[in-house]
Amino acid sequence: MVVERSPLSDVLHRSDEELIEDYLAGEVGAFRSLIERHHDALFRFLFRLTGSRHIAEDVFQDTFLQIHQSLDTFDVQRRFKPWLFTIAANKARDAIRKSRRRTAVSLSAPVDGGDGDSATFVDLMSVEIPHAASDLERQEQSRMVQRAIDSMSPRLREILLLAYFQKMSYADIAELFGVPLGTVKSRLHAAVAAFARAWQAQVEESRSRTENARAARRSEQA
């Protein structure tokens, strides 16, 4: 028997877990509502994790295909979102390995703070990065930050994306990775520290290139 529920307000007031129960009970539209509810946040996460819109789209579809196939095994006493992101992250890692390319996080993409304000990844990091005065300086800064984040391990990159982009709580991240809360905090601390070190290396390399270029110009003028 197919259960029919239509009012949008009714869908908005139901939790993920309730939508799952309703879908399993025969309400065909409940699963579509679940996909639409998580589409934007999950796709942004996958795009930043893989650095490829095409890969992110494929992983998004594969994730919800597995969700659909495994839905009857889901314990509705647990929260759906950590389970969703766990599956998505695992599939993204597989896709990255298959594509044989390193991930490149979109660092200049805005992060929605939920209150109308936006910031970039650089704005959120505990690292002092000077304001770029010109477009060329902003582009170079973006490339430097890109190289810094790309040098990090996939695990540290993931936890930064989840904590800073997805605004996931420590508890949700702990459930996603299957680790204690203290481990999440220490990994996030390690990730920020790793980024800071990599960023400083980029700054020093850029400074060295600038000084070498100036020395070369002075030598030509002498």
Protein backbone atom coordinates (compact mmCIF):
# COMPACT_ATOMS: atom_id res chain seq x y z
CA MET A 1 0.00 0.00 0.00
CA VAL A 2 1.38 3.38 -1.01
CA VAL A 3 1.13 6.10 1.60
CA GLU A 4 0.58 9.60 0.23
CA ARG A 5 1.72 12.75 1.99
CA SER A 6 2.14 15.98 0.13
CA PRO A 7 2.18 19.23 2.11
CA LEU A 8 5.65 20.77 2.01
CA SER A 9 5.32 21.98 5.58
CA ASP A 10 4.75 18.38 6.65
CA VAL A 11 7.98 17.26 4.97
CA LEU A 12 9.98 20.11 6.49
CA HIS A 13 8.88 19.19 9.99
CA ARG A 14 9.81 15.54 9.66
CA SER A 15 13.29 14.40 10.65
CA ASP A 16 15.53 12.39 8.32
CA GLU A 17 14.80 9.31 10.35
CA GLU A 18 11.05 9.85 10.07
CA LEU A 19 11.34 10.25 6.30
CA ILE A 20 13.18 6.93 6.15
CA GLU A 21 10.50 5.20 8.18
CA ASP A 22 7.78 6.71 5.99
CA TYR A 23 9.57 5.65 2.80
CA LEU A 24 9.96 2.09 4.07
CA ALA A 25 6.25 2.18 4.93
CA GLY A 26 5.43 2.97 1.31
CA GLU A 27 5.55 6.76 0.95
CA VAL A 28 7.43 7.00 -2.33
CA GLY A 29 8.10 10.73 -2.12
CA ALA A 30 9.90 10.54 1.22
CA PHE A 31 13.17 9.33 -0.30
CA ARG A 32 13.13 12.14 -2.86
CA SER A 33 12.62 14.60 0.00
CA LEU A 34 15.64 13.09 1.74
CA ILE A 35 17.82 13.57 -1.35
CA GLU A 36 16.67 17.16 -1.86
CA ARG A 37 17.26 18.01 1.80
CA HIS A 38 20.92 16.93 1.69
CA HIS A 39 21.75 17.65 -1.94
CA ASP A 40 23.50 21.02 -1.63
CA ALA A 41 25.56 20.30 1.48
CA LEU A 42 26.65 16.84 0.34
CA PHE A 43 27.53 17.96 -3.17
CA ARG A 44 29.61 20.88 -1.88
CA PHE A 45 31.46 18.50 0.42
CA LEU A 46 32.18 16.04 -2.40
CA PHE A 47 33.23 18.77 -4.82
CA ARG A 48 35.72 20.23 -2.36
CA LEU A 49 36.99 16.80 -1.39
CA THR A 50 37.53 15.55 -4.95
CA GLY A 51 38.23 18.82 -6.75
CA SER A 52 36.10 17.61 -9.67
CA ARG A 53 32.47 18.39 -10.41
CA HIS A 54 32.18 15.30 -12.60
CA ILE A 55 33.56 12.99 -9.90
CA ALA A 56 31.42 14.69 -7.25
CA GLU A 57 28.28 14.12 -9.33
CA ASP A 58 29.12 10.44 -9.83
CA VAL A 59 29.91 9.92 -6.16
CA PHE A 60 26.72 11.71 -5.13
CA GLN A 61 24.64 9.35 -7.26
CA ASP A 62 26.55 6.27 -6.08
CA THR A 63 26.11 7.36 -2.47
CA PHE A 64 22.34 7.61 -2.66
CA LEU A 65 22.15 4.41 -4.67
CA GLN A 66 23.88 2.59 -1.81
CA ILE A 67 21.71 4.42 0.71
CA HIS A 68 18.63 3.22 -1.16
CA GLN A 69 19.90 -0.35 -1.31
CA SER A 70 20.84 -0.40 2.38
CA LEU A 71 17.99 1.64 3.80
CA ASP A 72 16.16 -1.32 5.31
CA THR A 73 19.25 -2.07 7.43
CA PHE A 74 19.50 1.45 8.83
CA ASP A 75 18.83 1.83 12.55
CA VAL A 76 16.44 4.78 12.82
CA GLN A 77 17.53 5.23 16.42
CA ARG A 78 20.79 6.60 14.99
CA ARG A 79 21.19 9.87 13.11
CA PHE A 80 21.08 9.68 9.31
CA LYS A 81 23.53 12.47 8.39
CA PRO A 82 26.73 10.88 9.80
CA TRP A 83 25.85 7.62 8.04
CA LEU A 84 25.28 9.51 4.77
CA PHE A 85 28.59 11.35 4.96
CA THR A 86 30.47 8.20 5.96
CA ILE A 87 29.28 6.44 2.81
CA ALA A 88 29.97 9.52 0.68
CA ALA A 89 33.51 9.97 2.05
CA ASN A 90 34.35 6.31 1.48
CA LYS A 91 33.08 6.40 -2.09
CA ALA A 92 34.93 9.66 -2.74
CA ARG A 93 38.20 8.07 -1.60
CA ASP A 94 37.62 5.15 -3.97
CA ALA A 95 36.80 7.50 -6.85
CA ILE A 96 39.92 9.58 -6.22
CA ARG A 97 42.11 6.47 -6.21
CA LYS A 98 40.53 5.25 -9.44
CA SER A 99 40.99 8.58 -11.16
CA ARG A 100 44.68 8.57 -10.14
CA ARG A 101 44.69 12.21 -9.37
CA ARG A 102 45.24 14.11 -6.19
CA THR A 103 42.37 16.01 -4.64
CA ALA A 104 42.29 19.76 -5.06
CA VAL A 105 40.01 21.57 -2.65
CA SER A 106 38.19 24.64 -3.91
CA LEU A 107 39.60 27.00 -1.34
CA SER A 108 38.20 30.21 -2.74
CA ALA A 109 34.64 28.90 -2.72
CA PRO A 110 32.44 30.76 -0.23
CA VAL A 111 31.41 29.07 2.98
CA ASP A 112 27.83 29.81 3.92
CA GLY A 113 27.65 30.76 7.55
CA GLY A 114 23.89 30.36 7.63
CA ASP A 115 23.24 33.99 8.54
CA GLY A 116 23.78 35.60 5.16
CA ASP A 117 27.48 36.13 5.69
CA SER A 118 30.11 34.21 3.82
CA ALA A 119 33.80 33.57 4.16
CA THR A 120 36.44 31.53 2.41
CA PHE A 121 38.45 28.65 3.77
CA VAL A 122 41.38 31.01 4.37
CA ASP A 123 39.18 33.25 6.50
CA LEU A 124 38.30 30.33 8.74
CA MET A 125 41.79 29.01 9.36
CA SER A 126 43.80 29.93 12.45
CA VAL A 127 46.59 31.29 10.28
CA GLU A 128 47.27 34.95 9.58
CA ILE A 129 47.16 35.46 5.83
CA PRO A 130 47.61 39.06 4.64
CA HIS A 131 44.92 40.70 2.54
CA ALA A 132 45.72 40.63 -1.17
CA ALA A 133 45.46 44.08 -2.70
CA SER A 134 45.18 43.15 -6.36
CA ASP A 135 43.54 40.43 -8.44
CA LEU A 136 46.95 38.98 -9.29
CA GLU A 137 47.88 38.87 -5.61
CA ARG A 138 44.58 37.20 -4.77
CA GLN A 139 45.14 34.60 -7.47
CA GLU A 140 48.66 33.89 -6.24
CA GLN A 141 47.42 33.69 -2.64
CA SER A 142 44.71 31.25 -3.70
CA ARG A 143 47.29 29.08 -5.46
CA MET A 144 49.55 29.13 -2.40
CA VAL A 145 46.73 28.06 -0.10
CA GLN A 146 45.69 25.44 -2.63
CA ARG A 147 49.16 23.93 -2.62
CA ALA A 148 49.27 24.02 1.17
CA ILE A 149 45.97 22.17 1.64
CA ASP A 150 46.75 19.76 -1.19
CA SER A 151 49.94 18.71 0.62
CA MET A 152 47.91 17.46 3.59
CA SER A 153 46.89 13.84 4.03
CA PRO A 154 43.38 12.90 2.85
CA ARG A 155 42.27 12.20 6.43
CA LEU A 156 43.31 15.62 7.71
CA ARG A 157 41.80 17.29 4.63
CA GLU A 158 38.50 15.51 5.24
CA ILE A 159 38.24 16.56 8.86
CA LEU A 160 38.93 20.19 7.94
CA LEU A 161 36.20 20.13 5.32
CA LEU A 162 33.71 18.57 7.68
CA ALA A 163 34.50 20.89 10.57
CA TYR A 164 34.88 24.17 8.69
CA PHE A 165 32.68 23.76 5.62
CA GLN A 166 29.95 21.43 6.79
CA LYS A 167 29.98 22.86 10.34
CA MET A 168 29.70 19.33 11.68
CA SER A 169 29.89 18.98 15.43
CA TYR A 170 32.72 17.05 17.06
CA ALA A 171 30.16 14.41 18.04
CA ASP A 172 28.97 13.93 14.44
CA ILE A 173 32.54 13.73 13.11
CA ALA A 174 33.40 11.22 15.84
CA GLU A 175 30.45 9.07 14.75
CA LEU A 176 31.41 9.43 11.09
CA PHE A 177 35.00 8.28 11.61
CA GLY A 178 34.15 5.86 14.38
CA VAL A 179 36.63 7.42 16.81
CA PRO A 180 36.39 8.98 20.30
CA LEU A 181 35.61 12.67 20.69
CA GLY A 182 39.11 13.36 21.93
CA THR A 183 40.56 11.86 18.76
CA VAL A 184 38.48 14.21 16.62
CA LYS A 185 39.76 17.21 18.54
CA SER A 186 43.37 16.10 18.29
CA ARG A 187 43.05 15.36 14.55
CA LEU A 188 41.48 18.74 13.89
CA HIS A 189 44.25 20.41 15.87
CA ALA A 190 46.79 18.43 13.83
CA ALA A 191 45.08 19.42 10.60
CA VAL A 192 45.17 23.13 11.42
CA ALA A 193 48.82 22.82 12.49
CA ALA A 194 49.67 20.95 9.28
CA PHE A 195 48.02 23.65 7.22
CA ALA A 196 49.89 26.36 9.12
CA ARG A 197 53.24 24.67 8.45
CA ALA A 198 52.46 24.14 4.79
CA TRP A 199 51.25 27.72 4.45
CA GLN A 200 54.43 29.07 6.02
CA ALA A 201 56.49 27.01 3.59
CA GLN A 202 54.54 28.53 0.71
CA VAL A 203 55.13 32.04 2.08
CA GLU A 204 58.86 31.45 2.40
CA GLU A 205 59.07 29.96 -1.09
CA SER A 206 57.19 32.92 -2.54
CA ARG A 207 59.44 35.37 -0.69
CA SER A 208 62.53 33.58 -2.00
CA ARG A 209 61.24 33.73 -5.59
CA THR A 210 60.56 37.45 -5.22
CA GLU A 211 64.01 38.16 -3.80
CA ASN A 212 65.71 36.12 -6.53
CA ALA A 213 63.77 38.01 -9.20
CA ARG A 214 64.77 41.35 -7.70
CA ALA A 215 68.41 40.28 -7.53
CA ALA A 216 68.30 39.21 -11.17
CA ARG A 217 66.87 42.59 -12.22
CA ARG A 218 69.54 44.46 -10.28
CA SER A 219 72.21 42.31 -11.90
CA GLU A 220 70.85 43.11 -15.37
CA GLN A 221 70.79 46.85 -14.61
CA ALA A 222 74.37 46.89 -13.23
